[in-house]
């Protein structure tokens, strides 16, 4: 019986090591994926800009919303 118990405890420790290794691998892959997405912001807008050229203008205006802070209006001119 003690042979089986020692074999079960050895198997349990190997399983825990394999789980830890897989968590490290999947975690690092997830981290790489997230950082790659953060390093390339706005790639969809580049594709859309090739199809529909657009110019974005920002205009400072007076307090439109009534909160005491000057507002910024954004105007987009899309050429089709």
Protein backbone atom coordinates (compact mmCIF):
# COMPACT_ATOMS: atom_id res chain seq x y z
CA UNK A 1 0.00 0.00 0.00
CA UNK A 2 2.82 2.42 0.74
CA UNK A 3 4.18 1.83 -2.78
CA UNK A 4 0.90 2.99 -4.28
CA UNK A 5 0.75 6.01 -1.97
CA UNK A 6 4.28 7.08 -2.91
CA UNK A 7 3.46 6.58 -6.60
CA UNK A 8 0.29 8.70 -6.22
CA UNK A 9 2.18 11.49 -4.46
CA UNK A 10 4.89 11.44 -7.17
CA UNK A 11 2.21 11.60 -9.87
CA UNK A 12 0.50 14.45 -8.04
CA UNK A 13 3.70 16.50 -7.86
CA UNK A 14 4.43 15.87 -11.56
CA UNK A 15 0.90 17.01 -12.43
CA UNK A 16 1.37 20.20 -10.42
CA UNK A 17 4.66 20.91 -12.19
CA UNK A 18 3.05 20.35 -15.59
CA UNK A 19 0.16 22.65 -14.69
CA UNK A 20 2.60 25.34 -13.54
CA UNK A 21 4.61 25.07 -16.77
CA UNK A 22 1.49 25.25 -18.93
CA UNK A 23 0.25 28.29 -16.98
CA UNK A 24 3.59 30.03 -17.54
CA UNK A 25 3.53 29.27 -21.26
CA UNK A 26 -0.08 30.35 -21.74
CA UNK A 27 0.43 33.44 -19.58
CA UNK A 28 3.47 34.53 -21.55
CA UNK A 29 1.63 33.96 -24.84
CA UNK A 30 -1.28 36.04 -23.58
CA UNK A 31 1.09 38.78 -22.48
CA UNK A 32 2.77 38.81 -25.88
CA UNK A 33 -0.62 38.99 -27.60
CA UNK A 34 -1.81 41.88 -25.44
CA UNK A 35 1.39 43.88 -25.86
CA UNK A 36 1.38 43.37 -29.61
CA UNK A 37 -2.15 44.70 -29.81
CA UNK A 38 -1.14 47.72 -27.72
CA UNK A 39 1.87 48.45 -29.92
CA UNK A 40 -0.27 48.71 -33.05
CA UNK A 41 -3.19 50.98 -32.17
CA UNK A 42 -5.47 52.15 -34.92
CA UNK A 43 -4.64 49.61 -37.62
CA UNK A 44 -8.32 49.44 -38.57
CA UNK A 45 -8.37 53.19 -39.15
CA UNK A 46 -5.43 52.92 -41.54
CA UNK A 47 -7.34 50.37 -43.62
CA UNK A 48 -10.47 52.52 -43.61
CA UNK A 49 -8.46 55.61 -44.49
CA UNK A 50 -7.27 53.93 -47.68
CA UNK A 51 -10.88 53.23 -48.75
CA UNK A 52 -12.49 56.42 -47.41
CA UNK A 53 -9.94 59.23 -47.07
CA UNK A 54 -10.83 61.40 -44.10
CA UNK A 55 -9.53 64.50 -42.39
CA UNK A 56 -10.12 65.09 -38.71
CA UNK A 57 -10.35 68.63 -37.37
CA UNK A 58 -10.64 69.63 -33.73
CA UNK A 59 -12.08 72.99 -32.79
CA UNK A 60 -12.00 74.57 -29.35
CA UNK A 61 -15.33 76.11 -28.44
CA UNK A 62 -16.95 77.80 -25.50
CA UNK A 63 -18.71 75.90 -22.77
CA UNK A 64 -21.43 74.01 -24.66
CA UNK A 65 -22.38 71.48 -21.99
CA UNK A 66 -22.62 73.96 -19.11
CA UNK A 67 -20.04 72.35 -16.83
CA UNK A 68 -17.70 75.36 -16.75
CA UNK A 69 -15.03 73.78 -18.97
CA UNK A 70 -14.38 74.83 -22.55
CA UNK A 71 -15.27 72.02 -24.93
CA UNK A 72 -13.58 70.57 -27.99
CA UNK A 73 -15.64 69.79 -31.07
CA UNK A 74 -14.36 67.25 -33.56
CA UNK A 75 -15.24 67.51 -37.24
CA UNK A 76 -14.52 64.67 -39.64
CA UNK A 77 -14.58 65.23 -43.40
CA UNK A 78 -14.92 61.86 -45.16
CA UNK A 79 -14.46 61.84 -48.92
CA UNK A 80 -16.33 59.14 -50.78
